Amino acid sequence: MTDDLDETETGDGKTTAADSSEEIFTGAEAARHLGVTNVKLSRYIEDLRLDIPRGKRLRITRADLEVLRTYHRNRADGPRFRETQEAREFSAALKEYGRIFRSLRQLTTEALKLEKRLRKAVPPGLAVIHTLPEHDLVLMVPLSVSIAPSGKRYRASLPEADLEAMGATRDEALLELREEIARAYKRLERGHFFHNEDRERLRVLKALITRRPPKQD
């Protein structure tokens, strides 16, 4: 074939000039229009199995060129659409949002771990008991007790007598400890010793608690 007008063969063996109004592109021209190399253009033609006449040069019609253009655009390595400024800003903002979200998630995880450490390491608070729930039991001195978190509850304790009580709140734990001190004193005063340390516990409680004298008629 030549670069002049293409010739086609008729059914009776005669050749006629191709329609001169049909636009024809060489391989180099088609590659330039598509923005690809000649090698990639040849691969496209093989992929699509286009019936393109071959000679010294490829002769590609406008219709085949558009088929090649569509194939090129739809390929993963083809040209991308031109983003608008708004699209670029949206994409950048979305990436930044993702980065911040990942950072916040990491900070949340670290904060939860730190909260657990703080709950375990929190020092006990101090409280003072001035009275006991039994009206005839009188404290000789105010009792200093400690209150500390214990899991999701609180533990109030009187270390001198080795007594403690639990509560959902600090105040509840403190009230429960008042009840426990009174119960322990009354039980031990009656001589109901259940543990080896009960005698020492009674001695400590008697140094802290006394009975109110009965009223005289």
Protein backbone atom coordinates (compact mmCIF):
# COMPACT_ATOMS: atom_id res chain seq x y z
CA MET A 1 0.00 0.00 0.00
CA THR A 2 1.06 3.61 -0.51
CA ASP A 3 0.35 6.83 1.32
CA ASP A 4 -1.80 7.99 -1.60
CA LEU A 5 -5.49 7.22 -1.95
CA ASP A 6 -6.28 3.77 -0.68
CA GLU A 7 -7.43 1.19 -3.22
CA THR A 8 -9.83 -1.65 -2.54
CA GLU A 9 -10.42 -4.77 -4.55
CA THR A 10 -13.93 -5.42 -5.90
CA GLY A 11 -15.55 -8.79 -6.14
CA ASP A 12 -14.57 -9.16 -9.85
CA GLY A 13 -10.89 -8.54 -9.10
CA LYS A 14 -10.90 -4.91 -10.25
CA THR A 15 -9.62 -2.17 -7.96
CA THR A 16 -11.29 1.18 -7.40
CA ALA A 17 -10.17 4.24 -5.49
CA ALA A 18 -11.50 4.43 -1.95
CA ASP A 19 -13.90 7.17 -1.10
CA SER A 20 -11.66 10.21 -0.98
CA SER A 21 -14.00 11.87 1.55
CA GLU A 22 -13.13 9.23 4.24
CA GLU A 23 -10.47 10.55 6.60
CA ILE A 24 -7.47 8.24 6.91
CA PHE A 25 -4.69 8.41 9.55
CA THR A 26 -1.31 6.79 9.53
CA GLY A 27 -0.09 4.95 12.62
CA ALA A 28 2.09 7.87 13.63
CA GLU A 29 -0.81 10.31 13.26
CA ALA A 30 -3.19 8.11 15.22
CA ALA A 31 -0.65 7.64 18.01
CA ARG A 32 -0.15 11.41 18.16
CA HIS A 33 -3.90 12.02 18.37
CA LEU A 34 -4.25 9.50 21.20
CA GLY A 35 -1.10 10.59 23.00
CA VAL A 36 0.39 7.09 23.02
CA THR A 37 3.46 5.41 21.59
CA ASN A 38 3.40 3.45 18.36
CA VAL A 39 4.02 0.27 20.34
CA LYS A 40 1.00 0.88 22.57
CA LEU A 41 -1.11 1.74 19.52
CA SER A 42 -0.20 -1.60 17.93
CA ARG A 43 -1.13 -3.38 21.16
CA TYR A 44 -4.51 -1.62 21.21
CA ILE A 45 -5.20 -2.75 17.65
CA GLU A 46 -4.31 -6.33 18.56
CA ASP A 47 -6.46 -6.19 21.74
CA LEU A 48 -9.46 -4.93 19.77
CA ARG A 49 -8.70 -7.15 16.75
CA LEU A 50 -9.43 -4.26 14.43
CA ASP A 51 -9.36 -5.04 10.70
CA ILE A 52 -6.94 -2.29 9.75
CA PRO A 53 -5.11 -2.62 6.41
CA ARG A 54 -1.37 -2.98 6.82
CA GLY A 55 1.32 -2.18 4.38
CA LYS A 56 4.32 0.05 4.71
CA ARG A 57 2.11 2.17 6.96
CA LEU A 58 -1.08 1.63 8.92
CA ARG A 59 -4.16 3.22 7.42
CA ILE A 60 -6.66 3.96 10.18
CA THR A 61 -10.11 5.35 9.49
CA ARG A 62 -11.78 8.00 11.64
CA ALA A 63 -14.23 5.39 12.97
CA ASP A 64 -11.40 3.06 14.02
CA LEU A 65 -9.57 6.00 15.58
CA GLU A 66 -12.59 6.78 17.76
CA VAL A 67 -12.80 3.13 18.81
CA LEU A 68 -9.13 3.26 19.79
CA ARG A 69 -9.68 6.56 21.62
CA THR A 70 -12.54 5.11 23.68
CA TYR A 71 -10.50 2.01 24.50
CA HIS A 72 -7.58 4.17 25.58
CA ARG A 73 -9.72 6.35 27.84
CA ASN A 74 -11.34 3.37 29.54
CA ARG A 75 -8.06 1.65 30.33
CA ALA A 76 -6.69 1.84 33.87
CA ASP A 77 -3.55 3.47 32.51
CA GLY A 78 -5.48 5.79 30.21
CA PRO A 79 -5.85 9.54 30.72
CA ARG A 80 -7.91 10.73 33.66
CA PHE A 81 -10.70 13.24 33.42
CA ARG A 82 -9.79 16.80 34.23
CA GLU A 83 -10.85 17.59 37.74
CA THR A 84 -12.42 20.92 38.55
CA GLN A 85 -10.92 23.06 41.30
CA GLU A 86 -13.90 22.18 43.51
CA ALA A 87 -13.31 18.47 42.91
CA ARG A 88 -9.66 18.80 43.80
CA GLU A 89 -10.48 20.75 46.96
CA PHE A 90 -13.11 18.16 47.94
CA SER A 91 -10.64 15.32 47.40
CA ALA A 92 -7.96 17.10 49.44
CA ALA A 93 -10.43 17.86 52.24
CA LEU A 94 -11.61 14.24 52.27
CA LYS A 95 -8.03 13.01 52.62
CA GLU A 96 -7.40 15.48 55.45
CA TYR A 97 -10.61 14.38 57.17
CA GLY A 98 -9.48 10.76 56.95
CA ARG A 99 -6.10 11.68 58.43
CA ILE A 100 -7.72 13.57 61.32
CA PHE A 101 -10.23 10.77 61.93
CA ARG A 102 -7.44 8.20 62.13
CA SER A 103 -5.53 10.48 64.50
CA LEU A 104 -8.61 10.94 66.71
CA ARG A 105 -9.23 7.20 66.77
CA GLN A 106 -5.65 6.62 67.86
CA LEU A 107 -5.91 9.35 70.49
CA THR A 108 -9.17 7.81 71.77
CA THR A 109 -7.51 4.41 72.12
CA GLU A 110 -4.56 5.94 73.98
CA ALA A 111 -6.89 7.98 76.20
CA LEU A 112 -8.88 4.86 77.20
CA LYS A 113 -5.67 3.03 78.07
CA LEU A 114 -4.50 6.00 80.14
CA GLU A 115 -7.87 6.20 81.91
CA LYS A 116 -7.53 2.56 82.99
CA ARG A 117 -4.06 3.29 84.34
CA LEU A 118 -5.33 6.32 86.23
CA ARG A 119 -8.21 4.38 87.75
CA LYS A 120 -5.78 1.75 89.01
CA ALA A 121 -3.27 4.28 90.29
CA VAL A 122 -5.67 6.81 91.87
CA PRO A 123 -4.69 7.43 95.54
CA PRO A 124 -7.34 6.75 98.20
CA GLY A 125 -9.34 9.67 99.46
CA LEU A 126 -9.84 10.42 103.13
CA ALA A 127 -13.12 10.80 105.01
CA VAL A 128 -14.10 11.21 108.64
CA ILE A 129 -16.79 9.37 110.58
CA HIS A 130 -18.17 11.37 113.50
CA THR A 131 -21.08 9.17 114.60
CA LEU A 132 -22.26 5.56 114.38
CA PRO A 133 -25.78 4.44 113.42
CA GLU A 134 -26.38 2.88 116.89
CA HIS A 135 -27.56 5.67 119.22
CA ASP A 136 -25.89 4.16 122.30
CA LEU A 137 -22.48 3.84 120.65
CA VAL A 138 -20.38 6.98 120.91
CA LEU A 139 -17.09 7.62 119.18
CA MET A 140 -14.40 8.81 121.52
CA VAL A 141 -12.57 10.46 118.58
CA PRO A 142 -13.57 10.98 114.94
CA LEU A 143 -12.52 8.03 112.78
CA SER A 144 -10.35 8.73 109.76
CA VAL A 145 -11.12 6.26 106.98
CA SER A 146 -9.82 5.85 103.43
CA ILE A 147 -11.99 5.51 100.32
CA ALA A 148 -10.55 4.22 97.06
CA PRO A 149 -11.96 2.96 93.75
CA SER A 150 -12.27 -0.81 93.46
CA GLY A 151 -13.28 -1.70 89.91
CA LYS A 152 -16.51 0.17 89.26
CA ARG A 153 -17.27 0.49 92.98
CA TYR A 154 -15.61 2.08 95.99
CA ARG A 155 -14.02 0.54 99.06
CA ALA A 156 -14.06 2.33 102.44
CA SER A 157 -11.76 0.97 105.14
CA LEU A 158 -10.75 1.55 108.73
CA PRO A 159 -7.17 0.22 108.78
CA GLU A 160 -6.78 0.25 112.59
CA ALA A 161 -9.54 -2.34 113.05
CA ASP A 162 -9.06 -4.03 109.68
CA LEU A 163 -12.68 -3.34 108.68
CA GLU A 164 -13.96 -2.36 105.25
CA ALA A 165 -17.14 -2.02 103.21
CA MET A 166 -18.09 -1.56 99.55
CA GLY A 167 -20.49 0.86 97.87
CA ALA A 168 -21.52 2.09 94.44
CA THR A 169 -20.42 5.61 95.43
CA ARG A 170 -18.00 7.07 97.98
CA ASP A 171 -20.87 8.15 100.24
CA GLU A 172 -22.51 4.72 100.04
CA ALA A 173 -19.23 3.01 100.88
CA LEU A 174 -18.77 5.36 103.84
CA LEU A 175 -22.28 4.64 105.18
CA GLU A 176 -21.74 0.90 104.78
CA LEU A 177 -18.50 1.15 106.75
CA ARG A 178 -20.32 2.93 109.62
CA GLU A 179 -22.78 0.04 109.72
CA GLU A 180 -19.97 -2.54 109.61
CA ILE A 181 -18.08 -0.86 112.49
CA ALA A 182 -21.21 -0.88 114.66
CA ARG A 183 -22.03 -4.51 113.80
CA ALA A 184 -18.47 -5.65 114.45
CA TYR A 185 -18.33 -3.87 117.83
CA LYS A 186 -21.62 -5.38 119.04
CA ARG A 187 -20.68 -8.89 117.86
CA LEU A 188 -17.23 -8.81 119.40
CA GLU A 189 -18.53 -7.23 122.61
CA ARG A 190 -20.80 -10.27 123.04
CA GLY A 191 -17.76 -12.54 122.64
CA HIS A 192 -18.59 -13.86 119.15
CA PHE A 193 -15.11 -14.33 117.82
CA PHE A 194 -14.92 -15.84 114.31
CA HIS A 195 -11.31 -15.02 113.41
CA ASN A 196 -8.00 -15.17 115.22
CA GLU A 197 -7.62 -11.41 114.97
CA ASP A 198 -11.06 -10.69 116.47
CA ARG A 199 -9.70 -10.19 120.00
CA GLU A 200 -7.20 -7.61 118.79
CA ARG A 201 -9.94 -5.98 116.69
CA LEU A 202 -12.16 -5.69 119.82
CA ARG A 203 -9.32 -4.08 121.76
CA VAL A 204 -8.88 -1.47 119.03
CA LEU A 205 -12.61 -0.78 118.77
CA LYS A 206 -12.98 -0.35 122.54
CA ALA A 207 -10.26 2.30 122.40
CA LEU A 208 -12.33 4.13 119.79
CA ILE A 209 -15.91 3.49 120.89
CA THR A 210 -17.75 3.70 124.19
CA ARG A 211 -21.36 3.14 125.22
CA ARG A 212 -23.57 6.03 126.15
CA PRO A 213 -24.61 5.80 129.82
CA PRO A 214 -28.30 4.92 130.26
CA LYS A 215 -30.59 7.77 131.15
CA GLN A 216 -31.51 8.09 134.85
CA ASP A 217 -35.21 8.25 135.73
